[in-house]
N, C-alpha and C. Protein backbone atom coordinates (compact mmCIF):
# COMPACT_ATOMS: atom_id res chain seq x y z
N UNK A 1 54.55 -50.98 78.75
CA UNK A 1 53.69 -51.77 79.84
C UNK A 1 53.88 -53.28 79.39
N UNK A 2 54.30 -54.07 80.31
CA UNK A 2 54.42 -55.55 80.08
C UNK A 2 53.15 -56.35 80.26
N UNK A 3 53.32 -57.69 80.10
CA UNK A 3 52.06 -58.44 79.96
C UNK A 3 51.46 -58.39 81.35
N UNK A 4 52.28 -58.46 82.49
CA UNK A 4 51.52 -58.66 83.63
C UNK A 4 50.74 -57.39 84.09
N UNK A 5 51.31 -56.11 83.67
CA UNK A 5 50.61 -54.93 84.00
C UNK A 5 49.24 -54.92 83.06
N UNK A 6 49.33 -55.30 81.90
CA UNK A 6 48.12 -55.39 81.12
C UNK A 6 47.05 -56.39 81.72
N UNK A 7 47.66 -57.60 82.23
CA UNK A 7 46.60 -58.52 82.90
C UNK A 7 46.03 -57.92 84.15
N UNK A 8 46.84 -57.19 84.87
CA UNK A 8 46.24 -56.57 86.05
C UNK A 8 45.29 -55.50 85.78
N UNK A 9 45.37 -54.68 84.71
CA UNK A 9 44.48 -53.74 84.21
C UNK A 9 43.23 -54.58 83.96
N UNK A 10 43.29 -55.63 83.17
CA UNK A 10 42.06 -56.26 82.69
C UNK A 10 41.23 -56.81 83.91
N UNK A 11 42.00 -57.51 84.88
CA UNK A 11 41.38 -57.85 86.04
C UNK A 11 40.56 -56.69 86.78
N UNK A 12 41.29 -55.63 86.92
CA UNK A 12 40.81 -54.44 87.56
C UNK A 12 39.45 -54.07 87.01
N UNK A 13 39.42 -53.92 85.63
CA UNK A 13 38.26 -53.53 84.94
C UNK A 13 37.13 -54.58 85.05
N UNK A 14 37.45 -55.73 85.08
CA UNK A 14 36.23 -56.83 85.24
C UNK A 14 35.87 -56.78 86.64
N UNK A 15 36.61 -56.42 87.59
CA UNK A 15 36.21 -56.28 89.10
C UNK A 15 35.39 -55.04 89.32
N UNK A 16 35.80 -53.96 88.63
CA UNK A 16 35.12 -52.72 88.90
C UNK A 16 34.93 -51.92 87.54
N UNK A 17 33.88 -52.37 86.83
CA UNK A 17 33.67 -51.90 85.54
C UNK A 17 33.08 -50.41 85.65
N UNK A 18 32.32 -50.11 86.75
CA UNK A 18 31.78 -48.75 86.87
C UNK A 18 32.94 -47.75 87.17
N UNK A 19 33.96 -48.20 87.92
CA UNK A 19 35.07 -47.31 88.39
C UNK A 19 35.76 -47.16 86.97
N UNK A 20 36.01 -48.16 86.33
CA UNK A 20 36.68 -48.00 84.87
C UNK A 20 36.08 -47.08 84.03
N UNK A 21 34.75 -47.27 83.98
CA UNK A 21 33.91 -46.33 83.16
C UNK A 21 34.07 -44.80 83.62
N UNK A 22 34.01 -44.56 84.87
CA UNK A 22 34.23 -43.22 85.50
C UNK A 22 35.50 -42.73 85.22
N UNK A 23 36.38 -43.47 85.44
CA UNK A 23 37.94 -43.03 85.00
C UNK A 23 38.01 -42.60 83.65
N UNK A 24 37.63 -43.50 82.71
CA UNK A 24 37.61 -43.30 81.34
C UNK A 24 36.91 -42.11 80.98
N UNK A 25 35.68 -41.82 81.43
CA UNK A 25 34.95 -40.64 81.22
C UNK A 25 35.49 -39.43 81.58
N UNK A 26 36.32 -39.57 82.75
CA UNK A 26 36.93 -38.40 83.39
C UNK A 26 38.11 -37.99 82.43
N UNK A 27 38.77 -39.00 81.88
CA UNK A 27 39.85 -38.68 80.96
C UNK A 27 39.36 -37.96 79.70
N UNK A 28 38.28 -38.52 79.31
CA UNK A 28 37.59 -37.91 77.98
C UNK A 28 37.00 -36.47 78.38
N UNK A 29 36.53 -36.24 79.50
CA UNK A 29 36.09 -34.97 80.05
C UNK A 29 37.16 -33.91 80.01
N UNK A 30 38.30 -34.53 80.65
CA UNK A 30 39.61 -33.54 80.71
C UNK A 30 40.02 -33.33 79.33
N UNK A 31 39.98 -34.24 78.46
CA UNK A 31 40.50 -33.91 76.97
C UNK A 31 39.49 -32.94 76.31
N UNK A 32 38.16 -33.04 76.61
CA UNK A 32 37.27 -32.03 75.87
C UNK A 32 37.58 -30.57 76.37
N UNK A 33 37.86 -30.59 77.72
CA UNK A 33 38.07 -29.32 78.35
C UNK A 33 39.40 -28.58 77.55
N UNK A 34 40.38 -29.36 77.27
CA UNK A 34 41.63 -28.89 76.62
C UNK A 34 41.42 -28.67 75.22
N UNK A 35 40.56 -29.32 74.44
CA UNK A 35 40.51 -29.31 73.11
C UNK A 35 39.39 -28.55 72.51
N UNK A 36 38.24 -28.41 73.32
CA UNK A 36 37.00 -27.76 72.75
C UNK A 36 36.28 -26.96 73.59
N UNK A 37 36.42 -25.59 73.54
CA UNK A 37 35.56 -24.70 74.46
C UNK A 37 34.03 -24.77 74.29
N UNK A 38 33.79 -25.02 72.93
CA UNK A 38 32.39 -24.98 72.65
C UNK A 38 31.74 -26.31 73.13
N UNK A 39 32.41 -27.55 73.06
CA UNK A 39 31.92 -28.70 73.51
C UNK A 39 31.78 -28.75 75.04
N UNK A 40 32.84 -28.07 75.62
CA UNK A 40 32.80 -27.85 77.17
C UNK A 40 31.76 -27.24 77.62
N UNK A 41 31.39 -26.12 76.99
CA UNK A 41 30.21 -25.20 77.34
C UNK A 41 28.94 -26.11 77.38
N UNK A 42 28.86 -27.15 76.58
CA UNK A 42 27.59 -27.85 76.51
C UNK A 42 27.61 -28.88 77.73
N UNK A 43 28.55 -29.11 78.31
CA UNK A 43 28.68 -30.07 79.54
C UNK A 43 28.70 -29.37 80.93
N UNK A 44 28.85 -28.13 80.81
CA UNK A 44 28.69 -27.41 82.22
C UNK A 44 27.34 -27.58 82.69
N UNK A 45 27.22 -27.36 84.03
CA UNK A 45 25.91 -27.50 84.69
C UNK A 45 24.79 -26.69 84.13
N UNK A 46 23.55 -27.21 84.04
CA UNK A 46 22.37 -26.45 83.64
C UNK A 46 21.25 -26.84 84.62
N UNK A 47 20.49 -25.77 85.08
CA UNK A 47 19.41 -26.03 86.06
C UNK A 47 18.52 -26.79 85.47
N UNK A 48 17.65 -27.65 86.20
CA UNK A 48 16.60 -28.69 85.78
C UNK A 48 15.62 -27.97 84.86
N UNK A 49 15.34 -26.64 85.10
CA UNK A 49 14.24 -25.99 84.22
C UNK A 49 14.75 -25.81 82.71
N UNK A 50 15.97 -26.03 82.49
CA UNK A 50 16.59 -25.77 81.17
C UNK A 50 16.44 -27.05 80.31
N UNK A 51 15.94 -28.17 80.90
CA UNK A 51 15.60 -29.24 80.23
C UNK A 51 16.75 -30.15 79.64
N UNK A 52 17.93 -29.72 79.87
CA UNK A 52 19.08 -30.42 79.51
C UNK A 52 19.59 -31.35 80.71
N UNK A 53 18.87 -32.38 81.18
CA UNK A 53 19.00 -32.91 82.36
C UNK A 53 20.36 -33.61 82.53
N UNK A 54 20.95 -34.12 81.41
CA UNK A 54 22.39 -34.63 81.53
C UNK A 54 23.38 -33.63 82.09
N UNK A 55 23.03 -32.31 81.84
CA UNK A 55 24.12 -31.34 82.41
C UNK A 55 23.97 -31.22 83.81
N UNK A 56 22.88 -31.82 84.55
CA UNK A 56 22.92 -31.75 86.08
C UNK A 56 24.14 -32.63 86.60
N UNK A 57 24.60 -33.75 85.65
CA UNK A 57 25.46 -34.72 86.24
C UNK A 57 26.79 -34.49 85.52
N UNK A 58 26.78 -34.03 84.20
CA UNK A 58 28.05 -34.08 83.26
C UNK A 58 29.24 -33.30 84.00
N UNK A 59 29.05 -32.21 84.77
CA UNK A 59 30.36 -31.67 85.33
C UNK A 59 31.09 -32.52 86.00
N UNK A 60 30.76 -33.58 86.45
CA UNK A 60 31.73 -34.40 87.27
C UNK A 60 32.84 -34.99 86.50
N UNK A 61 32.54 -35.01 85.20
CA UNK A 61 33.56 -35.67 84.35
C UNK A 61 34.55 -34.64 83.74
N UNK A 62 34.21 -33.13 83.88
CA UNK A 62 35.09 -32.30 83.46
C UNK A 62 36.27 -32.06 84.43
N UNK A 63 37.49 -31.99 83.94
CA UNK A 63 38.76 -31.79 84.79
C UNK A 63 39.56 -30.77 84.09
N UNK A 64 40.15 -30.01 84.98
CA UNK A 64 40.97 -28.88 84.47
C UNK A 64 42.45 -28.96 84.90
N UNK A 65 43.22 -29.70 83.99
CA UNK A 65 44.65 -29.85 84.29
C UNK A 65 44.94 -31.31 84.70
N UNK A 66 46.21 -31.64 84.32
CA UNK A 66 46.58 -33.18 84.74
C UNK A 66 46.51 -33.54 86.18
N UNK A 67 46.91 -32.64 86.98
CA UNK A 67 46.82 -32.77 88.41
C UNK A 67 45.39 -33.08 88.99
N UNK A 68 44.52 -32.31 88.45
CA UNK A 68 43.15 -32.34 88.90
C UNK A 68 42.61 -33.71 88.49
N UNK A 69 42.90 -34.08 87.29
CA UNK A 69 42.54 -35.36 86.72
C UNK A 69 43.05 -36.70 87.52
N UNK A 70 44.46 -36.59 87.53
CA UNK A 70 45.13 -37.68 88.29
C UNK A 70 44.68 -37.81 89.77
N UNK A 71 44.63 -36.82 90.47
CA UNK A 71 44.16 -36.89 91.74
C UNK A 71 42.78 -37.50 91.99
N UNK A 72 41.97 -36.93 91.24
CA UNK A 72 40.59 -37.49 91.37
C UNK A 72 40.43 -38.93 90.85
N UNK A 73 40.99 -39.38 89.92
CA UNK A 73 41.09 -40.61 89.36
C UNK A 73 41.76 -41.64 90.40
N UNK A 74 42.83 -41.24 90.94
CA UNK A 74 43.52 -42.14 91.98
C UNK A 74 42.50 -42.40 93.24
N UNK A 75 41.79 -41.39 93.67
CA UNK A 75 41.02 -41.54 94.79
C UNK A 75 39.72 -42.33 94.47
N UNK A 76 39.33 -42.01 93.16
CA UNK A 76 38.13 -42.78 92.70
C UNK A 76 38.48 -44.29 92.69
N UNK A 77 39.64 -44.60 91.97
CA UNK A 77 39.98 -45.99 91.92
C UNK A 77 40.15 -46.86 93.32
N UNK A 78 40.85 -45.99 94.33
CA UNK A 78 40.90 -46.55 95.63
C UNK A 78 39.59 -46.69 96.35
N UNK A 79 38.81 -45.63 96.42
CA UNK A 79 37.52 -45.75 97.12
C UNK A 79 36.34 -46.48 96.49
N UNK A 80 36.27 -46.10 95.22
CA UNK A 80 35.10 -46.70 94.52
C UNK A 80 35.40 -48.26 94.32
N UNK A 81 36.44 -48.73 94.03
CA UNK A 81 36.67 -50.18 93.82
C UNK A 81 36.40 -50.92 95.07
N UNK A 82 36.58 -50.27 96.34
CA UNK A 82 36.16 -51.00 97.50
C UNK A 82 34.63 -51.29 97.50
N UNK A 83 34.02 -50.22 97.24
CA UNK A 83 32.54 -50.42 97.30
C UNK A 83 32.07 -51.36 96.11
N UNK A 84 32.57 -51.20 94.92
CA UNK A 84 31.93 -51.95 93.82
C UNK A 84 32.47 -53.47 93.97
N UNK A 85 33.48 -53.69 94.42
CA UNK A 85 34.05 -55.11 94.47
C UNK A 85 33.13 -56.01 95.42
N UNK A 86 32.80 -55.20 96.61
CA UNK A 86 32.16 -55.93 97.76
C UNK A 86 30.67 -55.60 97.84
N UNK A 87 30.13 -54.55 97.15
CA UNK A 87 28.71 -54.26 97.25
C UNK A 87 27.87 -54.36 95.87
N UNK A 88 28.84 -54.31 94.79
CA UNK A 88 28.21 -54.33 93.39
C UNK A 88 28.18 -53.10 92.70
N UNK A 89 28.13 -53.16 91.43
CA UNK A 89 28.21 -52.13 90.53
C UNK A 89 26.94 -51.15 90.72
N UNK A 90 25.89 -51.69 90.77
CA UNK A 90 24.60 -50.92 91.03
C UNK A 90 24.66 -50.15 92.19
N UNK A 91 25.25 -50.66 93.26
CA UNK A 91 25.41 -49.93 94.58
C UNK A 91 26.21 -48.72 94.45
N UNK A 92 27.44 -48.87 93.69
CA UNK A 92 28.36 -47.84 93.52
C UNK A 92 27.77 -46.87 92.61
N UNK A 93 27.07 -47.25 91.57
CA UNK A 93 26.33 -46.28 90.59
C UNK A 93 25.34 -45.49 91.33
N UNK A 94 24.56 -46.03 92.21
CA UNK A 94 23.60 -45.23 93.02
C UNK A 94 24.32 -44.15 93.79
N UNK A 95 25.27 -44.62 94.49
CA UNK A 95 26.05 -43.48 95.32
C UNK A 95 26.65 -42.34 94.32
N UNK A 96 27.20 -42.66 93.20
CA UNK A 96 27.75 -41.69 92.29
C UNK A 96 26.60 -40.80 91.76
N UNK A 97 25.49 -41.40 91.39
CA UNK A 97 24.49 -40.61 90.86
C UNK A 97 23.84 -39.57 91.80
N UNK A 98 23.38 -40.13 92.92
CA UNK A 98 23.08 -39.21 94.00
C UNK A 98 24.06 -38.05 94.45
N UNK A 99 25.11 -38.46 94.78
CA UNK A 99 26.19 -37.49 95.16
C UNK A 99 26.58 -36.61 94.09
N UNK A 100 26.58 -37.11 92.84
CA UNK A 100 27.06 -36.16 91.64
C UNK A 100 25.96 -35.18 91.47
N UNK A 101 24.75 -35.44 91.52
CA UNK A 101 23.66 -34.63 91.43
C UNK A 101 23.68 -33.56 92.65
N UNK A 102 23.74 -34.18 93.78
CA UNK A 102 23.74 -33.26 95.10
C UNK A 102 25.01 -32.20 95.07
N UNK A 103 26.10 -32.66 94.70
CA UNK A 103 27.35 -31.78 94.71
C UNK A 103 27.24 -30.68 93.63
N UNK A 104 26.61 -31.14 92.39
CA UNK A 104 26.66 -30.18 91.29
C UNK A 104 25.63 -29.24 91.56
N UNK A 105 24.41 -29.61 92.15
CA UNK A 105 23.35 -28.59 92.37
C UNK A 105 23.70 -27.64 93.60
N UNK A 106 24.39 -28.10 94.56
CA UNK A 106 24.88 -27.32 95.57
C UNK A 106 25.87 -26.28 95.09
N UNK A 107 26.77 -26.71 94.43
CA UNK A 107 27.86 -25.85 93.93
C UNK A 107 27.21 -24.77 93.08
N UNK A 108 26.29 -24.97 92.23
CA UNK A 108 25.68 -24.01 91.31
C UNK A 108 24.83 -23.01 92.20
N UNK A 109 23.96 -23.48 93.07
CA UNK A 109 23.08 -22.65 93.72
C UNK A 109 23.83 -21.78 94.74
N UNK A 110 25.01 -22.37 95.23
CA UNK A 110 25.95 -21.61 96.26
C UNK A 110 26.62 -20.60 95.59
N UNK A 111 27.33 -20.86 94.37
CA UNK A 111 28.33 -20.05 93.83
C UNK A 111 27.63 -19.09 92.63
N UNK A 112 26.51 -19.58 92.08
CA UNK A 112 25.78 -18.90 91.15
C UNK A 112 26.44 -18.89 89.66
N UNK A 113 27.50 -19.82 89.58
CA UNK A 113 27.99 -19.86 88.39
C UNK A 113 28.01 -21.35 87.85
N UNK A 114 28.08 -21.48 86.49
CA UNK A 114 28.03 -23.00 85.99
C UNK A 114 29.43 -23.46 85.70
N UNK A 115 30.44 -22.60 85.98
CA UNK A 115 31.73 -22.93 85.44
C UNK A 115 32.62 -23.62 86.51
N UNK A 116 32.32 -25.17 86.79
CA UNK A 116 32.96 -25.78 87.64
C UNK A 116 32.79 -27.16 87.12
N UNK A 117 33.82 -28.07 87.71
CA UNK A 117 33.70 -29.46 87.36
C UNK A 117 34.61 -30.31 88.26
N UNK A 118 34.58 -31.64 87.99
CA UNK A 118 35.50 -32.55 88.60
C UNK A 118 34.54 -33.43 89.55
N UNK A 119 35.36 -34.70 89.85
CA UNK A 119 34.95 -35.71 90.59
C UNK A 119 34.94 -35.75 92.15
N UNK A 120 35.46 -34.48 92.58
CA UNK A 120 35.90 -34.29 93.99
C UNK A 120 34.50 -34.50 94.92
N UNK A 121 33.34 -34.06 94.57
CA UNK A 121 32.24 -34.20 95.38
C UNK A 121 31.84 -35.58 95.62
N UNK A 122 31.90 -36.43 94.39
CA UNK A 122 31.82 -37.90 94.45
C UNK A 122 32.56 -38.47 95.30
N UNK A 123 34.02 -38.12 95.24
CA UNK A 123 35.05 -38.82 96.06
C UNK A 123 34.76 -38.58 97.57
N UNK A 124 34.36 -37.33 97.79
CA UNK A 124 34.07 -37.05 99.31
C UNK A 124 32.88 -37.87 99.69
N UNK A 125 31.95 -38.13 98.81
CA UNK A 125 30.69 -38.99 99.17
C UNK A 125 31.21 -40.48 99.42
N UNK A 126 31.97 -41.02 98.58
CA UNK A 126 32.59 -42.38 98.75
C UNK A 126 33.32 -42.46 100.04
N UNK A 127 34.16 -41.38 100.43
CA UNK A 127 34.90 -41.38 101.66
C UNK A 127 33.87 -41.36 102.87
N UNK A 128 32.95 -40.43 102.88
CA UNK A 128 31.87 -40.43 103.89
C UNK A 128 30.95 -41.69 103.99
N UNK A 129 30.67 -42.50 102.88
CA UNK A 129 30.04 -43.59 102.97
C UNK A 129 30.87 -44.66 103.65
N UNK A 130 32.07 -44.87 103.05
CA UNK A 130 32.77 -45.87 103.73
C UNK A 130 33.11 -45.65 105.30
N UNK A 131 33.44 -44.46 105.55
CA UNK A 131 33.64 -44.16 106.99
C UNK A 131 32.49 -44.33 108.00
N UNK A 132 31.42 -43.91 107.72
CA UNK A 132 30.17 -43.98 108.47
C UNK A 132 29.63 -45.47 108.62
N UNK A 133 29.67 -46.19 107.40
CA UNK A 133 29.25 -47.55 107.34
C UNK A 133 30.04 -48.46 108.25
N UNK A 134 31.46 -48.23 108.03
CA UNK A 134 32.38 -49.10 108.88
C UNK A 134 32.07 -48.66 110.49
N UNK A 135 31.79 -47.48 110.84
CA UNK A 135 31.67 -47.13 112.17
C UNK A 135 30.46 -47.72 112.77
N UNK A 136 29.41 -47.79 112.00
CA UNK A 136 28.15 -48.38 112.40
C UNK A 136 27.92 -49.60 112.40
N UNK A 137 28.27 -50.37 111.11
CA UNK A 137 28.11 -51.75 110.93
C UNK A 137 29.62 -52.20 110.29
N UNK A 138 30.52 -52.40 111.15
CA UNK A 138 31.81 -52.81 110.70
C UNK A 138 32.00 -53.73 109.57
N UNK A 139 32.68 -53.47 108.53
CA UNK A 139 32.78 -54.53 107.39
C UNK A 139 34.32 -54.48 107.24
N UNK A 140 34.74 -55.61 106.75
CA UNK A 140 36.21 -56.02 106.44
C UNK A 140 36.74 -55.19 105.53
N UNK A 141 36.05 -54.88 104.42
CA UNK A 141 36.37 -54.17 103.26
C UNK A 141 36.49 -52.65 103.50
N UNK A 142 35.78 -52.19 104.48
CA UNK A 142 35.44 -50.70 104.52
C UNK A 142 36.44 -49.92 105.22
N UNK A 143 37.28 -50.35 106.16
CA UNK A 143 38.19 -49.53 106.81
C UNK A 143 39.07 -48.55 105.95
N UNK A 144 39.10 -47.31 106.39
CA UNK A 144 40.07 -46.43 105.62
C UNK A 144 41.29 -46.41 106.11
N UNK A 145 42.38 -46.17 105.39
CA UNK A 145 43.83 -46.05 105.96
C UNK A 145 43.81 -45.10 107.13
N UNK A 146 44.53 -45.39 108.03
CA UNK A 146 44.62 -44.59 109.35
C UNK A 146 44.89 -43.06 109.07
N UNK A 147 44.01 -42.20 109.59
CA UNK A 147 44.30 -40.70 109.32
C UNK A 147 43.80 -40.21 108.08
N UNK A 148 43.31 -41.07 107.26
CA UNK A 148 42.77 -40.46 105.90
C UNK A 148 41.48 -39.66 106.01
N UNK A 149 40.70 -40.04 106.82
CA UNK A 149 39.44 -39.26 107.02
C UNK A 149 39.83 -37.68 107.53
N UNK A 150 40.70 -37.80 108.69
CA UNK A 150 41.19 -36.60 109.15
C UNK A 150 41.88 -35.63 108.27
N UNK A 151 42.55 -36.14 107.34
CA UNK A 151 43.49 -35.48 106.26
C UNK A 151 42.54 -34.88 105.37
N UNK A 152 41.49 -35.67 104.80
CA UNK A 152 40.51 -35.19 103.81
C UNK A 152 39.63 -34.03 104.40
N UNK A 153 39.33 -34.21 105.79
CA UNK A 153 38.61 -33.14 106.45
C UNK A 153 39.38 -31.85 106.45
N UNK A 154 40.69 -32.18 106.86
CA UNK A 154 41.48 -30.90 107.06
C UNK A 154 41.77 -30.33 105.76
N UNK A 155 41.87 -30.96 104.60
CA UNK A 155 42.06 -30.45 103.16
C UNK A 155 40.70 -29.69 102.89
N UNK A 156 39.51 -30.35 103.26
CA UNK A 156 38.21 -29.53 103.04
C UNK A 156 38.24 -28.12 103.60
N UNK A 157 38.68 -28.14 105.02
CA UNK A 157 38.58 -26.93 105.65
C UNK A 157 39.61 -25.91 105.13
N UNK A 158 40.68 -26.47 104.80
CA UNK A 158 41.73 -25.58 104.10
C UNK A 158 41.45 -24.90 102.79
N UNK A 159 40.61 -25.68 101.93
CA UNK A 159 40.02 -25.16 100.86
C UNK A 159 39.08 -24.04 101.00
N UNK A 160 38.28 -24.29 102.06
CA UNK A 160 37.16 -23.43 102.41
C UNK A 160 37.61 -22.14 102.86
N UNK A 161 39.03 -22.08 103.34
CA UNK A 161 39.46 -20.73 103.82
C UNK A 161 39.80 -19.80 102.67
N UNK A 162 39.89 -20.30 101.42
CA UNK A 162 40.22 -19.54 100.34
C UNK A 162 41.65 -19.41 100.10
N UNK A 163 42.57 -19.93 100.90
CA UNK A 163 44.00 -19.86 100.84
C UNK A 163 44.59 -20.35 99.47
N UNK A 164 44.08 -21.45 98.99
CA UNK A 164 44.64 -21.97 97.69
C UNK A 164 44.15 -21.07 96.57
N UNK A 165 42.90 -20.48 96.66
CA UNK A 165 42.55 -19.55 95.62
C UNK A 165 43.53 -18.29 95.53
N UNK A 166 43.86 -17.73 96.83
CA UNK A 166 44.73 -16.64 96.87
C UNK A 166 46.24 -16.97 96.44
N UNK A 167 46.72 -18.12 97.03
CA UNK A 167 48.18 -18.47 96.74
C UNK A 167 48.31 -19.02 95.42
N UNK A 168 47.50 -19.84 94.85
CA UNK A 168 47.66 -20.63 93.49
C UNK A 168 46.78 -20.09 92.57
N UNK A 169 45.82 -19.21 92.72
CA UNK A 169 44.98 -18.72 91.70
C UNK A 169 44.08 -19.69 91.18
N UNK A 170 43.65 -20.72 92.02
CA UNK A 170 42.71 -21.89 91.48
C UNK A 170 41.44 -21.81 92.23
N UNK A 171 40.42 -22.02 91.47
CA UNK A 171 39.07 -22.05 92.10
C UNK A 171 38.82 -23.42 92.79
N UNK A 172 38.19 -23.52 93.76
CA UNK A 172 37.71 -24.79 94.48
C UNK A 172 36.39 -24.75 94.65
N UNK A 173 35.67 -25.97 94.24
CA UNK A 173 34.22 -26.09 94.42
C UNK A 173 33.91 -26.63 95.77
N UNK A 174 34.05 -25.73 96.76
CA UNK A 174 33.86 -26.03 98.09
C UNK A 174 32.42 -26.61 98.59
N UNK A 175 31.49 -26.03 97.82
CA UNK A 175 30.20 -26.44 98.12
C UNK A 175 29.88 -27.81 97.66
N UNK A 176 30.57 -28.17 96.63
CA UNK A 176 30.41 -29.63 95.96
C UNK A 176 31.05 -30.56 96.92
N UNK A 177 32.22 -30.41 97.44
CA UNK A 177 32.91 -31.02 98.33
C UNK A 177 32.18 -31.32 99.59
N UNK A 178 31.67 -30.27 100.19
CA UNK A 178 30.93 -30.50 101.48
C UNK A 178 29.57 -31.26 101.20
N UNK A 179 28.86 -30.92 100.22
CA UNK A 179 27.63 -31.58 99.98
C UNK A 179 27.74 -33.18 99.45
N UNK A 180 28.88 -33.31 98.79
CA UNK A 180 29.16 -34.53 98.49
C UNK A 180 29.45 -35.48 99.76
N UNK A 181 30.29 -34.91 100.66
CA UNK A 181 30.47 -35.57 101.88
C UNK A 181 29.14 -35.86 102.70
N UNK A 182 28.30 -34.92 102.91
CA UNK A 182 27.14 -35.11 103.54
C UNK A 182 26.37 -36.13 102.79
N UNK A 183 26.22 -36.09 101.66
CA UNK A 183 25.23 -37.16 100.77
C UNK A 183 25.95 -38.64 101.04
N UNK A 184 27.29 -38.70 101.10
CA UNK A 184 27.78 -39.98 101.30
C UNK A 184 27.59 -40.41 102.72
N UNK A 185 27.58 -39.63 103.63
CA UNK A 185 27.42 -39.92 105.17
C UNK A 185 25.92 -40.27 105.26
N UNK A 186 25.06 -39.60 104.61
CA UNK A 186 23.49 -40.06 104.83
C UNK A 186 23.23 -41.37 104.03
N UNK A 187 23.80 -41.63 102.79
CA UNK A 187 23.57 -42.81 102.04
C UNK A 187 24.28 -43.92 103.01
N UNK A 188 25.51 -43.82 103.55
CA UNK A 188 26.06 -44.80 104.19
C UNK A 188 25.38 -45.13 105.49
N UNK A 189 24.78 -44.11 106.06
CA UNK A 189 23.86 -44.31 107.24
C UNK A 189 22.89 -45.21 107.00
N UNK A 190 22.12 -44.93 106.03
CA UNK A 190 20.93 -45.73 105.62
C UNK A 190 21.30 -47.11 105.43
N UNK A 191 22.32 -47.43 104.57
CA UNK A 191 22.76 -48.96 104.36
C UNK A 191 23.44 -49.57 105.58
N UNK A 192 23.98 -48.73 106.48
CA UNK A 192 24.62 -49.34 107.74
C UNK A 192 23.47 -49.76 108.58
N UNK A 193 22.55 -48.92 108.78
CA UNK A 193 21.28 -49.36 109.60
C UNK A 193 20.65 -50.62 108.83
N UNK A 194 20.51 -50.58 107.56
CA UNK A 194 19.81 -51.74 106.99
C UNK A 194 20.74 -52.93 107.16
N UNK A 195 21.97 -52.83 107.22
CA UNK A 195 22.86 -54.05 107.36
C UNK A 195 22.77 -54.59 108.93
N UNK A 196 22.62 -53.64 109.83
CA UNK A 196 22.30 -54.01 111.26
C UNK A 196 20.91 -54.64 111.47
N UNK A 197 20.05 -54.26 110.69
CA UNK A 197 18.62 -54.69 110.75
C UNK A 197 18.50 -56.17 110.34
N UNK A 198 19.26 -56.26 109.04
CA UNK A 198 19.36 -57.63 108.66
C UNK A 198 19.99 -58.72 109.36
N UNK A 199 21.28 -58.18 109.96
CA UNK A 199 22.02 -58.95 110.76
C UNK A 199 21.32 -59.35 112.20
N UNK A 200 20.48 -58.44 112.63
CA UNK A 200 19.70 -58.62 113.86
C UNK A 200 18.48 -59.60 113.67
N UNK A 201 17.79 -59.56 112.32
CA UNK A 201 16.80 -60.50 112.18
C UNK A 201 17.38 -61.97 111.91
N UNK A 202 18.54 -62.07 111.35
CA UNK A 202 19.13 -63.36 111.02
C UNK A 202 19.62 -64.02 112.23
N UNK A 203 19.80 -63.28 113.40
CA UNK A 203 20.20 -63.88 114.63
C UNK A 203 18.93 -64.31 115.44
N UNK A 204 17.90 -63.78 115.15
CA UNK A 204 16.48 -64.17 115.91
C UNK A 204 16.13 -65.67 115.56
């Protein structure tokens, strides 16, 4: 890695520290999955009545295989940095916390198992947030690449058919994906309406 690449990484981390933290935590989570079954078991989901409240969120950092990790980190960097750079770290953190909890709880209560993980539910939340906010209260930073929403919805439907599980033998946390998307849409709707209200008041 040359100097300019290092400088670029430093700038990116300064602009989006929460994204950097989430990516690093995902790398750590993937490493734990590979190196320690015992430690991994302490990070899988636990219901609220278990008292280990961190386990309601910790599964978002667990990744199973390099492709799972890289795919999620790339989307997290692309979508999360848009929000953090223009709306702030606290704003992004709020979306991640709400959507992470919603997707993990939905997946647990839908599937009945604690053995799932990944940042995909959060990614779908970021996607839904950016899409609906730009539709209702257009922002220069918010437009998604043409066709991206359609592609991701198509991927969501494809996963829900069970084809990937049959063809590739991989489990997909469909409830986490869907609930993450819904959470992102709802959060985006709230903030979009707030943006419109503020804009209307400033014009009066």
